[in-house]
Structure formats: structure tokens, C-alpha cells
């Protein structure tokens, strides 16, 4: 992984974590009624309406940074030169194929291949009806 890709990935992760924190700190539109009855603690820190504007603008900036980092990582991950084609072609190993076992026990999924094929009678006698 190149240094530039690592740097972009770190910026993306930090912006994502900061964005999560900012979203959790913000209060919804329904919380304004609670602030009217004396629980407006955030108003004293940022001013009357400055908290919502500051937090929402910072969230928008972090979302744009996250989006730009995502696009850059996608472009850099897709623009790598292909060496010889598929990754699986380099990992292919010549392994002899197992002998085909067409016995009845081998046809049941999950059965281990038996050393001797099981014999099944041609016609089993029917159970007497009661």
C-alpha cells in the first residue's frame, strides 16, 4: 500500500469518526421544546443559535471530506496496473482429481466416501399394513 493511499485512508477514518461524534452531539428538531423549559445547556456554549449552525456546517464539511476520500480511494484502487490477469491463475496448483464415486452413499451430501460401497437390496419387502 502506498503512502498516499494510507494517508487518504487515515483522513477518511478520522473524518468518519468525527462525523459520527458530531451527529451524536447534535439535537433533533423536537428537542427545542425541551430547551424552552430550561434544559438548553448547549445554548450557553455556542450562543442561542450558533451551536446548530456550527455543528451542522462542520458535519457537512466532514461529509464532503469523507466523500472525496472515498472517491480517491476508489480511483486509486481501480487504476492499478494488472500484472498477468487473474489472481487465481497464479495460485493454481496441479492437484490430481479424486476418482469418481457413483455409489448410493456418495450421492448423499455430507457422507464421507466409503471404502466399500454399500449394497442396497433391489426390492425391499413392504411392511405389512396395520
N, C-alpha and C. Protein backbone atom coordinates (compact mmCIF):
# COMPACT_ATOMS: atom_id res chain seq x y z
N UNK A 1 0.85 -1.16 0.00
CA UNK A 1 0.00 0.00 0.00
C UNK A 1 0.90 1.23 0.00
N UNK A 2 0.59 2.14 -0.87
CA UNK A 2 1.44 3.31 -0.97
C UNK A 2 1.18 4.28 0.18
N UNK A 3 2.09 5.22 0.34
CA UNK A 3 1.99 6.19 1.43
C UNK A 3 0.78 7.10 1.21
N UNK A 4 0.54 7.47 -0.04
CA UNK A 4 -0.59 8.36 -0.34
C UNK A 4 -1.91 7.67 -0.02
N UNK A 5 -2.02 6.41 -0.37
CA UNK A 5 -3.25 5.67 -0.10
C UNK A 5 -3.47 5.51 1.41
N UNK A 6 -2.41 5.27 2.14
CA UNK A 6 -2.51 5.16 3.60
C UNK A 6 -2.94 6.48 4.22
N UNK A 7 -2.39 7.58 3.73
CA UNK A 7 -2.74 8.89 4.24
C UNK A 7 -4.22 9.21 3.98
N UNK A 8 -4.69 8.90 2.78
CA UNK A 8 -6.09 9.15 2.45
C UNK A 8 -7.00 8.28 3.31
N UNK A 9 -6.59 7.05 3.55
CA UNK A 9 -7.38 6.14 4.37
C UNK A 9 -7.47 6.64 5.82
N UNK A 10 -6.37 7.18 6.34
CA UNK A 10 -6.37 7.72 7.70
C UNK A 10 -7.28 8.94 7.79
N UNK A 11 -7.22 9.82 6.79
CA UNK A 11 -8.08 11.01 6.78
C UNK A 11 -9.55 10.59 6.69
N UNK A 12 -9.84 9.57 5.90
CA UNK A 12 -11.21 9.09 5.78
C UNK A 12 -11.73 8.53 7.10
N UNK A 13 -10.90 7.75 7.78
CA UNK A 13 -11.32 7.18 9.06
C UNK A 13 -11.53 8.26 10.11
N UNK A 14 -10.63 9.23 10.18
CA UNK A 14 -10.78 10.31 11.16
C UNK A 14 -12.01 11.16 10.87
N UNK A 15 -12.27 11.42 9.60
CA UNK A 15 -13.46 12.21 9.28
C UNK A 15 -14.74 11.43 9.59
N UNK A 16 -14.71 10.12 9.39
CA UNK A 16 -15.89 9.32 9.71
C UNK A 16 -16.15 9.31 11.21
N UNK A 17 -15.10 9.13 12.00
CA UNK A 17 -15.29 9.13 13.45
C UNK A 17 -15.74 10.49 13.97
N UNK A 18 -15.16 11.56 13.43
CA UNK A 18 -15.57 12.90 13.85
C UNK A 18 -17.01 13.19 13.43
N UNK A 19 -17.40 12.72 12.26
CA UNK A 19 -18.77 12.92 11.80
C UNK A 19 -19.76 12.17 12.68
N UNK A 20 -19.42 10.95 13.08
CA UNK A 20 -20.28 10.19 13.99
C UNK A 20 -20.44 10.94 15.31
N UNK A 21 -19.34 11.44 15.84
CA UNK A 21 -19.41 12.19 17.09
C UNK A 21 -20.25 13.44 16.98
N UNK A 22 -20.11 14.18 15.88
CA UNK A 22 -20.89 15.41 15.70
C UNK A 22 -22.37 15.12 15.53
N UNK A 23 -22.71 14.04 14.85
CA UNK A 23 -24.12 13.70 14.68
C UNK A 23 -24.73 13.32 16.02
N UNK A 24 -23.96 12.62 16.85
CA UNK A 24 -24.48 12.23 18.16
C UNK A 24 -24.62 13.42 19.10
N UNK A 25 -23.79 14.46 18.94
CA UNK A 25 -23.85 15.63 19.81
C UNK A 25 -25.04 16.52 19.45
N UNK A 26 -25.41 16.57 18.18
CA UNK A 26 -26.49 17.45 17.76
C UNK A 26 -27.82 16.96 18.30
N UNK A 27 -28.70 17.88 18.55
CA UNK A 27 -30.05 17.51 18.99
C UNK A 27 -31.01 17.70 17.84
N UNK A 28 -32.08 16.94 17.87
CA UNK A 28 -33.07 17.00 16.79
C UNK A 28 -33.96 18.21 16.90
N UNK A 29 -34.87 18.32 15.92
CA UNK A 29 -35.78 19.47 15.90
C UNK A 29 -36.80 19.38 17.02
N UNK A 30 -37.11 18.19 17.47
CA UNK A 30 -38.07 18.03 18.55
C UNK A 30 -37.50 18.38 19.90
N UNK A 31 -36.19 18.53 20.02
CA UNK A 31 -35.55 18.84 21.30
C UNK A 31 -35.65 20.32 21.64
N UNK A 32 -36.12 21.14 20.72
CA UNK A 32 -36.26 22.57 21.00
C UNK A 32 -37.30 22.85 22.08
N UNK A 33 -38.31 22.03 22.18
CA UNK A 33 -39.33 22.21 23.21
C UNK A 33 -38.72 21.97 24.58
N UNK A 34 -37.84 21.00 24.71
CA UNK A 34 -37.18 20.75 25.99
C UNK A 34 -36.25 21.87 26.37
N UNK A 35 -35.66 22.53 25.40
CA UNK A 35 -34.77 23.65 25.69
C UNK A 35 -35.55 24.85 26.20
N UNK A 36 -36.82 24.94 25.84
CA UNK A 36 -37.64 26.06 26.29
C UNK A 36 -37.94 25.95 27.78
N UNK A 37 -37.89 24.76 28.34
CA UNK A 37 -38.20 24.56 29.75
C UNK A 37 -36.96 24.48 30.62
N UNK A 38 -35.83 24.96 30.14
CA UNK A 38 -34.67 25.09 31.00
C UNK A 38 -33.56 24.08 30.78
N UNK A 39 -33.67 23.19 29.80
CA UNK A 39 -32.59 22.22 29.60
C UNK A 39 -31.75 22.58 28.38
N UNK A 40 -31.59 23.82 28.10
CA UNK A 40 -30.80 24.26 26.95
C UNK A 40 -29.35 24.46 27.32
N UNK A 41 -28.65 23.42 27.65
CA UNK A 41 -27.26 23.52 28.07
C UNK A 41 -26.32 23.88 26.93
N UNK A 42 -26.65 23.45 25.70
CA UNK A 42 -25.75 23.74 24.58
C UNK A 42 -25.86 25.19 24.14
N UNK A 43 -26.94 25.86 24.47
CA UNK A 43 -27.10 27.25 24.08
C UNK A 43 -26.11 28.16 24.77
N UNK A 44 -25.69 27.80 25.96
CA UNK A 44 -24.75 28.66 26.68
C UNK A 44 -23.34 28.53 26.12
N UNK A 45 -23.03 27.43 25.49
CA UNK A 45 -21.69 27.23 24.95
C UNK A 45 -21.50 27.91 23.60
N UNK A 46 -22.46 27.73 22.69
CA UNK A 46 -22.33 28.27 21.34
C UNK A 46 -23.18 29.51 21.11
N UNK A 47 -23.94 29.94 22.05
CA UNK A 47 -24.86 31.05 21.84
C UNK A 47 -26.27 30.50 21.61
N UNK A 48 -27.20 31.36 21.27
CA UNK A 48 -28.60 30.94 21.13
C UNK A 48 -28.80 29.99 19.95
N UNK A 49 -28.32 30.38 18.78
CA UNK A 49 -28.49 29.52 17.61
C UNK A 49 -27.15 29.14 16.98
N UNK A 50 -26.07 29.57 17.56
CA UNK A 50 -24.77 29.31 16.96
C UNK A 50 -24.36 27.86 17.02
N UNK A 51 -24.86 27.11 17.98
CA UNK A 51 -24.48 25.70 18.11
C UNK A 51 -24.97 24.87 16.95
N UNK A 52 -26.20 25.08 16.54
CA UNK A 52 -26.76 24.29 15.44
C UNK A 52 -26.05 24.62 14.13
N UNK A 53 -25.78 25.91 13.90
CA UNK A 53 -25.12 26.29 12.67
C UNK A 53 -23.69 25.76 12.62
N UNK A 54 -22.97 25.90 13.72
CA UNK A 54 -21.58 25.45 13.75
C UNK A 54 -21.50 23.93 13.58
N UNK A 55 -22.32 23.20 14.32
CA UNK A 55 -22.27 21.74 14.25
C UNK A 55 -22.74 21.22 12.90
N UNK A 56 -23.78 21.81 12.34
CA UNK A 56 -24.28 21.34 11.05
C UNK A 56 -23.31 21.67 9.92
N UNK A 57 -22.66 22.81 9.99
CA UNK A 57 -21.68 23.15 8.94
C UNK A 57 -20.44 22.27 9.06
N UNK A 58 -20.00 22.00 10.27
CA UNK A 58 -18.84 21.12 10.46
C UNK A 58 -19.16 19.71 9.99
N UNK A 59 -20.38 19.25 10.24
CA UNK A 59 -20.79 17.93 9.77
C UNK A 59 -20.80 17.89 8.25
N UNK A 60 -21.27 18.94 7.61
CA UNK A 60 -21.29 18.99 6.15
C UNK A 60 -19.88 18.99 5.57
N UNK A 61 -18.96 19.71 6.19
CA UNK A 61 -17.57 19.74 5.71
C UNK A 61 -16.94 18.36 5.87
N UNK A 62 -17.17 17.72 7.02
CA UNK A 62 -16.62 16.38 7.23
C UNK A 62 -17.23 15.37 6.28
N UNK A 63 -18.49 15.52 5.96
CA UNK A 63 -19.12 14.62 4.99
C UNK A 63 -18.50 14.80 3.60
N UNK A 64 -18.19 16.04 3.23
CA UNK A 64 -17.55 16.29 1.93
C UNK A 64 -16.13 15.70 1.91
N UNK A 65 -15.40 15.84 3.01
CA UNK A 65 -14.05 15.25 3.09
C UNK A 65 -14.13 13.73 2.99
N UNK A 66 -15.09 13.13 3.70
CA UNK A 66 -15.27 11.68 3.66
C UNK A 66 -15.61 11.22 2.24
N UNK A 67 -16.49 11.94 1.57
CA UNK A 67 -16.89 11.60 0.20
C UNK A 67 -15.71 11.72 -0.76
N UNK A 68 -14.93 12.77 -0.63
CA UNK A 68 -13.76 12.96 -1.50
C UNK A 68 -12.72 11.87 -1.26
N UNK A 69 -12.49 11.50 -0.01
CA UNK A 69 -11.54 10.43 0.29
C UNK A 69 -12.02 9.10 -0.26
N UNK A 70 -13.32 8.85 -0.19
CA UNK A 70 -13.88 7.62 -0.73
C UNK A 70 -13.69 7.56 -2.24
N UNK A 71 -13.94 8.66 -2.92
CA UNK A 71 -13.74 8.69 -4.37
C UNK A 71 -12.28 8.49 -4.75
N UNK A 72 -11.37 9.13 -4.01
CA UNK A 72 -9.94 8.97 -4.29
C UNK A 72 -9.47 7.54 -4.06
N UNK A 73 -9.94 6.93 -2.98
CA UNK A 73 -9.55 5.54 -2.72
C UNK A 73 -10.10 4.59 -3.77
N UNK A 74 -11.31 4.84 -4.22
CA UNK A 74 -11.89 4.01 -5.27
C UNK A 74 -11.12 4.16 -6.58
N UNK A 75 -10.74 5.40 -6.91
CA UNK A 75 -9.98 5.64 -8.13
C UNK A 75 -8.60 5.00 -8.06
N UNK A 76 -7.93 5.17 -6.91
CA UNK A 76 -6.57 4.61 -6.78
C UNK A 76 -6.60 3.09 -6.72
N UNK A 77 -7.63 2.52 -6.16
CA UNK A 77 -7.74 1.07 -6.10
C UNK A 77 -8.06 0.45 -7.44
N UNK A 78 -8.76 1.19 -8.29
CA UNK A 78 -9.15 0.67 -9.60
C UNK A 78 -8.11 0.94 -10.67
N UNK A 79 -7.24 1.91 -10.48
CA UNK A 79 -6.30 2.31 -11.53
C UNK A 79 -4.96 1.58 -11.45
N UNK A 80 -4.85 0.55 -10.62
CA UNK A 80 -3.60 -0.20 -10.54
C UNK A 80 -3.41 -1.03 -11.80
N UNK A 81 -2.18 -1.12 -12.30
CA UNK A 81 -1.95 -1.93 -13.50
C UNK A 81 -2.11 -3.42 -13.18
N UNK A 82 -2.75 -4.12 -14.09
CA UNK A 82 -2.94 -5.56 -13.93
C UNK A 82 -1.67 -6.27 -14.37
N UNK A 83 -1.16 -7.17 -13.55
CA UNK A 83 0.11 -7.83 -13.86
C UNK A 83 -0.07 -8.92 -14.91
N UNK A 84 -0.71 -10.02 -14.57
CA UNK A 84 -0.82 -11.11 -15.54
C UNK A 84 -2.25 -11.58 -15.70
N UNK A 85 -3.20 -10.84 -15.22
CA UNK A 85 -4.59 -11.25 -15.34
C UNK A 85 -5.19 -11.50 -13.98
N UNK A 86 -5.67 -12.70 -13.79
CA UNK A 86 -6.38 -13.04 -12.56
C UNK A 86 -5.44 -13.44 -11.45
N UNK A 87 -5.84 -13.18 -10.24
CA UNK A 87 -5.07 -13.60 -9.08
C UNK A 87 -5.11 -15.12 -8.96
N UNK A 88 -6.22 -15.70 -9.34
CA UNK A 88 -6.38 -17.15 -9.21
C UNK A 88 -5.49 -17.92 -10.19
N UNK A 89 -5.09 -17.31 -11.29
CA UNK A 89 -4.21 -18.00 -12.23
C UNK A 89 -2.85 -18.28 -11.61
N UNK A 90 -2.35 -17.35 -10.81
CA UNK A 90 -1.06 -17.54 -10.16
C UNK A 90 -1.13 -18.54 -9.02
N UNK A 91 -2.31 -18.76 -8.45
CA UNK A 91 -2.45 -19.65 -7.32
C UNK A 91 -2.85 -21.06 -7.71
N UNK A 92 -3.02 -21.32 -9.00
CA UNK A 92 -3.45 -22.65 -9.44
C UNK A 92 -2.34 -23.66 -9.20
N UNK A 93 -2.71 -24.78 -8.61
CA UNK A 93 -1.78 -25.86 -8.32
C UNK A 93 -2.33 -27.11 -8.96
N UNK A 94 -1.47 -27.90 -9.58
CA UNK A 94 -1.91 -29.13 -10.22
C UNK A 94 -2.14 -30.20 -9.16
N UNK A 95 -3.40 -30.46 -8.88
CA UNK A 95 -3.79 -31.48 -7.92
C UNK A 95 -4.58 -32.52 -8.68
N UNK A 96 -4.22 -33.81 -8.52
CA UNK A 96 -4.98 -34.83 -9.25
C UNK A 96 -6.42 -34.88 -8.75
N UNK A 97 -7.34 -35.05 -9.67
CA UNK A 97 -8.76 -35.09 -9.33
C UNK A 97 -9.07 -36.41 -8.65
N UNK A 98 -9.93 -36.42 -7.64
CA UNK A 98 -10.29 -37.68 -6.99
C UNK A 98 -11.11 -38.56 -7.92
N UNK A 99 -11.03 -39.85 -7.70
CA UNK A 99 -11.78 -40.79 -8.53
C UNK A 99 -13.27 -40.60 -8.26
N UNK A 100 -14.06 -40.72 -9.31
CA UNK A 100 -15.50 -40.53 -9.17
C UNK A 100 -16.10 -41.73 -8.44
N UNK A 101 -16.92 -41.45 -7.45
CA UNK A 101 -17.59 -42.49 -6.67
C UNK A 101 -19.08 -42.35 -6.93
N UNK A 102 -19.65 -43.27 -7.67
CA UNK A 102 -21.05 -43.18 -8.05
C UNK A 102 -21.94 -44.07 -7.20
N UNK A 103 -21.49 -44.48 -6.03
CA UNK A 103 -22.31 -45.34 -5.19
C UNK A 103 -23.43 -44.51 -4.57
N UNK A 104 -24.39 -45.22 -4.00
CA UNK A 104 -25.55 -44.54 -3.40
C UNK A 104 -25.13 -43.71 -2.20
N UNK A 105 -24.16 -44.18 -1.41
CA UNK A 105 -23.73 -43.45 -0.23
C UNK A 105 -23.00 -42.17 -0.61
N UNK A 106 -22.33 -42.15 -1.73
CA UNK A 106 -21.60 -40.96 -2.15
C UNK A 106 -22.53 -39.87 -2.66
N UNK A 107 -23.76 -40.25 -3.05
CA UNK A 107 -24.71 -39.28 -3.56
C UNK A 107 -25.37 -38.47 -2.45
N UNK A 108 -25.29 -38.91 -1.19
CA UNK A 108 -25.89 -38.20 -0.07
C UNK A 108 -24.92 -37.11 0.38
N UNK A 109 -25.38 -35.85 0.43
CA UNK A 109 -24.48 -34.77 0.87
C UNK A 109 -24.05 -34.97 2.32
N UNK A 110 -22.78 -34.74 2.59
CA UNK A 110 -22.25 -34.85 3.94
C UNK A 110 -21.70 -36.21 4.27
N UNK A 111 -21.92 -37.19 3.43
CA UNK A 111 -21.37 -38.52 3.67
C UNK A 111 -19.92 -38.56 3.24
N UNK A 112 -19.10 -39.14 4.07
CA UNK A 112 -17.71 -39.34 3.69
C UNK A 112 -17.67 -40.52 2.74
N UNK A 113 -16.77 -40.51 1.76
CA UNK A 113 -16.72 -41.63 0.83
C UNK A 113 -16.36 -42.92 1.57
N UNK A 114 -17.15 -43.92 1.32
CA UNK A 114 -16.95 -45.22 1.98
C UNK A 114 -15.85 -45.99 1.26
N UNK A 115 -15.13 -46.82 2.04
CA UNK A 115 -14.09 -47.63 1.42
C UNK A 115 -14.70 -48.75 0.60
N UNK A 116 -15.83 -49.28 1.05
CA UNK A 116 -16.54 -50.30 0.30
C UNK A 116 -17.94 -49.79 0.03
N UNK A 117 -18.42 -49.91 -1.19
CA UNK A 117 -19.76 -49.39 -1.48
C UNK A 117 -20.81 -50.19 -0.73
N UNK A 118 -21.80 -49.49 -0.24
CA UNK A 118 -22.89 -50.16 0.47
C UNK A 118 -23.79 -50.87 -0.52
N UNK A 119 -24.24 -52.05 -0.16
CA UNK A 119 -25.14 -52.80 -1.04
C UNK A 119 -26.56 -52.50 -0.65
N UNK A 120 -27.36 -52.18 -1.61
CA UNK A 120 -28.77 -51.87 -1.40
C UNK A 120 -29.56 -52.96 -2.06
N UNK A 121 -30.49 -53.62 -1.35
CA UNK A 121 -31.28 -54.67 -1.99
C UNK A 121 -32.12 -54.11 -3.13
N UNK A 122 -32.32 -54.92 -4.12
CA UNK A 122 -33.06 -54.48 -5.32
C UNK A 122 -34.48 -54.09 -4.95
N UNK A 123 -35.15 -54.92 -4.17
CA UNK A 123 -36.50 -54.58 -3.75
C UNK A 123 -36.66 -54.99 -2.30
N UNK A 124 -36.96 -54.05 -1.46
CA UNK A 124 -37.15 -54.34 -0.05
C UNK A 124 -38.57 -54.78 0.17
N UNK A 125 -38.80 -55.76 1.06
CA UNK A 125 -40.19 -56.18 1.29
C UNK A 125 -40.95 -55.07 1.98
N UNK A 126 -42.18 -54.91 1.57
CA UNK A 126 -43.03 -53.88 2.12
C UNK A 126 -43.49 -54.27 3.52
N UNK A 127 -43.62 -53.29 4.39
CA UNK A 127 -44.09 -53.56 5.74
C UNK A 127 -45.58 -53.82 5.70
N UNK A 128 -46.03 -54.78 6.50
CA UNK A 128 -47.47 -55.06 6.49
C UNK A 128 -48.27 -53.89 7.06
N UNK A 129 -49.37 -53.61 6.47
CA UNK A 129 -50.23 -52.51 6.91
C UNK A 129 -51.02 -52.95 8.12
N UNK A 130 -51.22 -52.09 9.07
CA UNK A 130 -51.97 -52.42 10.29
C UNK A 130 -53.34 -51.90 10.24
